[in-house]
Amino acid sequence: MQLFAGGLRASRTSCDYSRAIIHAKDKIEELEGASGPLVPESGEFTDGFKWQSEVESFREVKVGSKAFEEDKLRLMKIKVTVAWEDSVRKPKSVELVSLKTVSDDEK
C-alpha cells in the first residue's frame, strides 16, 4: 500500500509540473506575440496556478552589432514564473525565460 500511495503522489507531482510548464509556455508565447511595450504582470489561471512575469533589458548584445544599431532594436528578457501548492500545501514553482527583439519605441 505504501508503494501505491507513493506512486500516486509521484504521478500527481509530475502532472502538476507538466501543467505549470504548459501554463508558463503559453504565457511566454502570449507575451512574445504582444504588441506594444512589455510590462511585468501577474495573475491566476482557472485551475489555481498563479503566474508572474518579469521583463528587463537583456544586456549581452555585442556593441557594434549593425543590425541592432541601425534598426534601433533591443533584446528584452521575459521571465515567467508559475507557482502552486502541492497536495501537502508545500509551495512549488517553475520558471521559463525567453528573449524578444523589440524596437526602441516598443520598449
N, C-alpha and C. Protein backbone atom coordinates (compact mmCIF):
# COMPACT_ATOMS: atom_id res chain seq x y z
N MET A 1 0.81 -1.19 0.00
CA MET A 1 0.00 0.00 0.00
C MET A 1 0.86 1.27 0.00
N GLN A 2 1.97 1.23 0.72
CA GLN A 2 2.83 2.40 0.76
C GLN A 2 3.42 2.70 -0.63
N LEU A 3 3.78 1.64 -1.36
CA LEU A 3 4.30 1.85 -2.71
C LEU A 3 3.23 2.45 -3.62
N PHE A 4 2.01 1.98 -3.48
CA PHE A 4 0.91 2.50 -4.28
C PHE A 4 0.68 3.98 -3.98
N ALA A 5 0.64 4.33 -2.70
CA ALA A 5 0.45 5.72 -2.30
C ALA A 5 1.60 6.60 -2.80
N GLY A 6 2.80 6.10 -2.72
CA GLY A 6 3.97 6.84 -3.21
C GLY A 6 3.90 7.05 -4.71
N GLY A 7 3.44 6.04 -5.43
CA GLY A 7 3.27 6.15 -6.87
C GLY A 7 2.23 7.19 -7.24
N LEU A 8 1.13 7.24 -6.47
CA LEU A 8 0.10 8.25 -6.72
C LEU A 8 0.63 9.66 -6.48
N ARG A 9 1.41 9.83 -5.41
CA ARG A 9 1.99 11.15 -5.13
C ARG A 9 2.95 11.57 -6.25
N ALA A 10 3.77 10.64 -6.70
CA ALA A 10 4.72 10.95 -7.78
C ALA A 10 3.98 11.30 -9.07
N SER A 11 2.90 10.60 -9.32
CA SER A 11 2.10 10.88 -10.51
C SER A 11 1.47 12.27 -10.42
N ARG A 12 0.95 12.62 -9.27
CA ARG A 12 0.33 13.94 -9.06
C ARG A 12 1.38 15.05 -9.21
N THR A 13 2.55 14.83 -8.64
CA THR A 13 3.63 15.81 -8.75
C THR A 13 4.03 16.03 -10.20
N SER A 14 4.17 14.95 -10.93
CA SER A 14 4.52 15.02 -12.35
C SER A 14 3.45 15.78 -13.14
N CYS A 15 2.19 15.50 -12.85
CA CYS A 15 1.08 16.18 -13.52
C CYS A 15 1.11 17.68 -13.21
N ASP A 16 1.33 18.05 -11.95
CA ASP A 16 1.39 19.46 -11.56
C ASP A 16 2.52 20.19 -12.30
N TYR A 17 3.71 19.58 -12.34
CA TYR A 17 4.83 20.21 -13.03
C TYR A 17 4.53 20.36 -14.52
N SER A 18 3.93 19.35 -15.12
CA SER A 18 3.59 19.42 -16.55
C SER A 18 2.60 20.55 -16.82
N ARG A 19 1.57 20.66 -15.98
CA ARG A 19 0.59 21.74 -16.16
C ARG A 19 1.24 23.11 -15.97
N ALA A 20 2.12 23.23 -14.99
CA ALA A 20 2.80 24.50 -14.74
C ALA A 20 3.68 24.89 -15.92
N ILE A 21 4.38 23.94 -16.49
CA ILE A 21 5.24 24.23 -17.65
C ILE A 21 4.39 24.64 -18.85
N ILE A 22 3.27 23.98 -19.06
CA ILE A 22 2.38 24.35 -20.17
C ILE A 22 1.84 25.75 -19.96
N HIS A 23 1.42 26.07 -18.73
CA HIS A 23 0.93 27.42 -18.42
C HIS A 23 2.03 28.47 -18.70
N ALA A 24 3.25 28.19 -18.24
CA ALA A 24 4.36 29.14 -18.42
C ALA A 24 4.67 29.31 -19.91
N LYS A 25 4.68 28.21 -20.65
CA LYS A 25 4.94 28.28 -22.09
C LYS A 25 3.87 29.11 -22.80
N ASP A 26 2.61 28.88 -22.46
CA ASP A 26 1.52 29.64 -23.07
C ASP A 26 1.65 31.14 -22.75
N LYS A 27 1.99 31.45 -21.51
CA LYS A 27 2.10 32.86 -21.12
C LYS A 27 3.29 33.52 -21.81
N ILE A 28 4.41 32.81 -21.95
CA ILE A 28 5.57 33.36 -22.66
C ILE A 28 5.19 33.63 -24.12
N GLU A 29 4.50 32.69 -24.76
CA GLU A 29 4.09 32.89 -26.15
C GLU A 29 3.15 34.09 -26.28
N GLU A 30 2.27 34.25 -25.31
CA GLU A 30 1.36 35.40 -25.31
C GLU A 30 2.15 36.71 -25.21
N LEU A 31 3.13 36.75 -24.32
CA LEU A 31 3.92 37.97 -24.15
C LEU A 31 4.82 38.24 -25.35
N GLU A 32 5.38 37.18 -25.96
CA GLU A 32 6.22 37.36 -27.14
C GLU A 32 5.41 37.90 -28.31
N GLY A 33 4.15 37.52 -28.41
CA GLY A 33 3.32 37.96 -29.51
C GLY A 33 2.62 39.29 -29.27
N ALA A 34 2.74 39.82 -28.08
CA ALA A 34 2.05 41.07 -27.74
C ALA A 34 2.69 42.25 -28.46
N SER A 35 1.85 43.15 -28.91
CA SER A 35 2.37 44.39 -29.50
C SER A 35 2.38 45.45 -28.40
N GLY A 36 3.20 46.43 -28.58
CA GLY A 36 3.30 47.47 -27.57
C GLY A 36 4.35 47.14 -26.53
N PRO A 37 4.48 48.00 -25.53
CA PRO A 37 5.52 47.80 -24.51
C PRO A 37 5.25 46.58 -23.64
N LEU A 38 6.32 45.91 -23.26
CA LEU A 38 6.22 44.76 -22.35
C LEU A 38 6.32 45.27 -20.93
N VAL A 39 5.38 44.88 -20.10
CA VAL A 39 5.38 45.30 -18.70
C VAL A 39 5.21 44.07 -17.81
N PRO A 40 5.78 44.10 -16.61
CA PRO A 40 5.58 42.99 -15.68
C PRO A 40 4.10 42.86 -15.32
N GLU A 41 3.63 41.63 -15.24
CA GLU A 41 2.24 41.36 -14.91
C GLU A 41 2.17 40.15 -13.98
N SER A 42 0.99 39.91 -13.44
CA SER A 42 0.76 38.69 -12.66
C SER A 42 -0.71 38.35 -12.74
N GLY A 43 -1.03 37.12 -12.39
CA GLY A 43 -2.42 36.69 -12.42
C GLY A 43 -2.55 35.26 -11.96
N GLU A 44 -3.74 34.72 -12.16
CA GLU A 44 -4.02 33.36 -11.72
C GLU A 44 -4.79 32.64 -12.82
N PHE A 45 -4.42 31.40 -13.05
CA PHE A 45 -5.14 30.57 -14.01
C PHE A 45 -6.37 29.98 -13.31
N THR A 46 -7.32 29.50 -14.09
CA THR A 46 -8.57 29.00 -13.52
C THR A 46 -8.38 27.75 -12.66
N ASP A 47 -7.27 27.05 -12.83
CA ASP A 47 -7.04 25.83 -12.04
C ASP A 47 -6.21 26.08 -10.78
N GLY A 48 -6.04 27.34 -10.39
CA GLY A 48 -5.35 27.66 -9.14
C GLY A 48 -3.87 27.96 -9.27
N PHE A 49 -3.28 27.73 -10.43
CA PHE A 49 -1.87 28.06 -10.63
C PHE A 49 -1.75 29.57 -10.78
N LYS A 50 -0.75 30.16 -10.16
CA LYS A 50 -0.53 31.60 -10.23
C LYS A 50 0.70 31.88 -11.09
N TRP A 51 0.69 33.00 -11.78
CA TRP A 51 1.82 33.35 -12.64
C TRP A 51 2.26 34.78 -12.39
N GLN A 52 3.54 35.01 -12.72
CA GLN A 52 4.11 36.34 -12.61
C GLN A 52 5.15 36.48 -13.72
N SER A 53 5.13 37.61 -14.40
CA SER A 53 6.12 37.85 -15.44
C SER A 53 7.04 38.99 -15.04
N GLU A 54 8.28 38.90 -15.49
CA GLU A 54 9.26 39.97 -15.31
C GLU A 54 9.85 40.27 -16.67
N VAL A 55 10.08 41.53 -16.93
CA VAL A 55 10.64 41.96 -18.21
C VAL A 55 11.80 42.90 -17.92
N GLU A 56 12.94 42.62 -18.56
CA GLU A 56 14.09 43.50 -18.39
C GLU A 56 14.94 43.48 -19.65
N SER A 57 15.74 44.49 -19.80
CA SER A 57 16.63 44.57 -20.95
C SER A 57 17.69 43.48 -20.84
N PHE A 58 17.97 42.83 -21.94
CA PHE A 58 18.99 41.79 -21.97
C PHE A 58 20.27 42.43 -22.47
N ARG A 59 21.29 42.46 -21.66
CA ARG A 59 22.48 43.26 -21.93
C ARG A 59 23.60 42.53 -22.66
N GLU A 60 23.41 41.32 -23.08
CA GLU A 60 24.51 40.58 -23.70
C GLU A 60 24.58 40.75 -25.21
N VAL A 61 24.09 41.87 -25.73
CA VAL A 61 24.20 42.17 -27.15
C VAL A 61 25.56 42.79 -27.40
N LYS A 62 26.25 42.29 -28.40
CA LYS A 62 27.58 42.83 -28.69
C LYS A 62 27.47 44.26 -29.21
N VAL A 63 28.27 45.13 -28.63
CA VAL A 63 28.30 46.51 -29.08
C VAL A 63 28.89 46.52 -30.49
N GLY A 64 28.29 47.30 -31.35
CA GLY A 64 28.77 47.37 -32.72
C GLY A 64 27.98 46.47 -33.66
N SER A 65 26.99 45.77 -33.15
CA SER A 65 26.15 44.94 -33.99
C SER A 65 25.31 45.86 -34.86
N LYS A 66 25.62 45.90 -36.15
CA LYS A 66 24.97 46.85 -37.05
C LYS A 66 23.46 46.66 -37.11
N ALA A 67 23.00 45.43 -37.07
CA ALA A 67 21.55 45.19 -37.15
C ALA A 67 20.84 45.85 -35.98
N PHE A 68 21.42 45.79 -34.82
CA PHE A 68 20.78 46.37 -33.64
C PHE A 68 20.93 47.89 -33.61
N GLU A 69 22.07 48.42 -34.08
CA GLU A 69 22.26 49.87 -34.06
C GLU A 69 21.45 50.56 -35.14
N GLU A 70 21.47 50.03 -36.36
CA GLU A 70 20.77 50.67 -37.48
C GLU A 70 19.26 50.61 -37.32
N ASP A 71 18.76 49.49 -36.87
CA ASP A 71 17.31 49.31 -36.74
C ASP A 71 16.79 49.72 -35.37
N LYS A 72 17.69 50.13 -34.49
CA LYS A 72 17.33 50.54 -33.14
C LYS A 72 16.52 49.44 -32.43
N LEU A 73 17.08 48.24 -32.45
CA LEU A 73 16.44 47.09 -31.82
C LEU A 73 17.09 46.79 -30.49
N ARG A 74 16.33 46.21 -29.60
CA ARG A 74 16.81 45.80 -28.28
C ARG A 74 16.33 44.38 -28.01
N LEU A 75 17.10 43.67 -27.22
CA LEU A 75 16.67 42.36 -26.74
C LEU A 75 16.09 42.53 -25.34
N MET A 76 14.90 41.99 -25.14
CA MET A 76 14.27 42.02 -23.83
C MET A 76 14.17 40.59 -23.30
N LYS A 77 14.49 40.42 -22.05
CA LYS A 77 14.38 39.12 -21.39
C LYS A 77 13.02 39.04 -20.72
N ILE A 78 12.28 37.97 -21.05
CA ILE A 78 10.96 37.74 -20.46
C ILE A 78 11.07 36.51 -19.57
N LYS A 79 10.73 36.67 -18.30
CA LYS A 79 10.75 35.54 -17.37
C LYS A 79 9.35 35.35 -16.81
N VAL A 80 8.85 34.12 -16.92
CA VAL A 80 7.53 33.79 -16.38
C VAL A 80 7.71 32.72 -15.31
N THR A 81 7.16 33.00 -14.13
CA THR A 81 7.18 32.05 -13.02
C THR A 81 5.76 31.61 -12.75
N VAL A 82 5.55 30.30 -12.68
CA VAL A 82 4.24 29.74 -12.34
C VAL A 82 4.40 29.02 -11.00
N ALA A 83 3.51 29.35 -10.06
CA ALA A 83 3.60 28.80 -8.70
C ALA A 83 2.29 28.13 -8.31
N TRP A 84 2.39 27.14 -7.42
CA TRP A 84 1.23 26.43 -6.89
C TRP A 84 1.63 25.76 -5.60
N GLU A 85 0.66 25.23 -4.90
CA GLU A 85 0.93 24.44 -3.68
C GLU A 85 0.62 22.99 -3.99
N ASP A 86 1.50 22.10 -3.55
CA ASP A 86 1.25 20.68 -3.79
C ASP A 86 0.21 20.14 -2.82
N SER A 87 0.00 18.84 -2.83
CA SER A 87 -1.08 18.24 -2.04
C SER A 87 -0.88 18.39 -0.53
N VAL A 88 0.33 18.66 -0.08
CA VAL A 88 0.58 18.89 1.35
C VAL A 88 0.85 20.37 1.65
N ARG A 89 0.37 21.24 0.73
CA ARG A 89 0.44 22.70 0.87
C ARG A 89 1.87 23.24 0.85
N LYS A 90 2.78 22.51 0.22
CA LYS A 90 4.15 22.97 0.09
C LYS A 90 4.27 23.76 -1.21
N PRO A 91 4.84 24.99 -1.16
CA PRO A 91 4.93 25.80 -2.38
C PRO A 91 5.90 25.21 -3.41
N LYS A 92 5.47 25.23 -4.66
CA LYS A 92 6.27 24.74 -5.78
C LYS A 92 6.24 25.80 -6.87
N SER A 93 7.22 25.80 -7.75
CA SER A 93 7.21 26.75 -8.86
C SER A 93 8.11 26.26 -9.99
N VAL A 94 7.82 26.76 -11.19
CA VAL A 94 8.69 26.58 -12.34
C VAL A 94 8.90 27.96 -12.96
N GLU A 95 10.00 28.09 -13.70
CA GLU A 95 10.34 29.37 -14.29
C GLU A 95 10.86 29.14 -15.71
N LEU A 96 10.31 29.88 -16.67
CA LEU A 96 10.79 29.83 -18.05
C LEU A 96 11.27 31.22 -18.45
N VAL A 97 12.32 31.26 -19.25
CA VAL A 97 12.90 32.52 -19.70
C VAL A 97 13.00 32.50 -21.22
N SER A 98 12.71 33.64 -21.83
CA SER A 98 12.79 33.78 -23.28
C SER A 98 13.31 35.18 -23.61
N LEU A 99 13.72 35.36 -24.86
CA LEU A 99 14.15 36.67 -25.32
C LEU A 99 13.25 37.13 -26.45
N LYS A 100 13.03 38.44 -26.51
CA LYS A 100 12.23 39.03 -27.59
C LYS A 100 12.94 40.27 -28.10
N THR A 101 12.99 40.40 -29.43
CA THR A 101 13.55 41.59 -30.04
C THR A 101 12.45 42.62 -30.17
N VAL A 102 12.72 43.83 -29.68
CA VAL A 102 11.73 44.92 -29.78
C VAL A 102 12.44 46.16 -30.31
N SER A 103 11.66 47.02 -30.93
CA SER A 103 12.22 48.31 -31.39
C SER A 103 12.24 49.25 -30.19
N ASP A 104 13.00 50.31 -30.28
CA ASP A 104 13.15 51.25 -29.17
C ASP A 104 11.81 51.83 -28.72
N ASP A 105 10.88 52.06 -29.65
CA ASP A 105 9.60 52.66 -29.27
C ASP A 105 8.66 51.65 -28.62
N GLU A 106 8.92 50.34 -28.75
CA GLU A 106 8.11 49.33 -28.08
C GLU A 106 8.58 49.04 -26.67
N LYS A 107 9.79 49.36 -26.39
CA LYS A 107 10.44 49.03 -25.12
C LYS A 107 9.65 49.59 -23.98
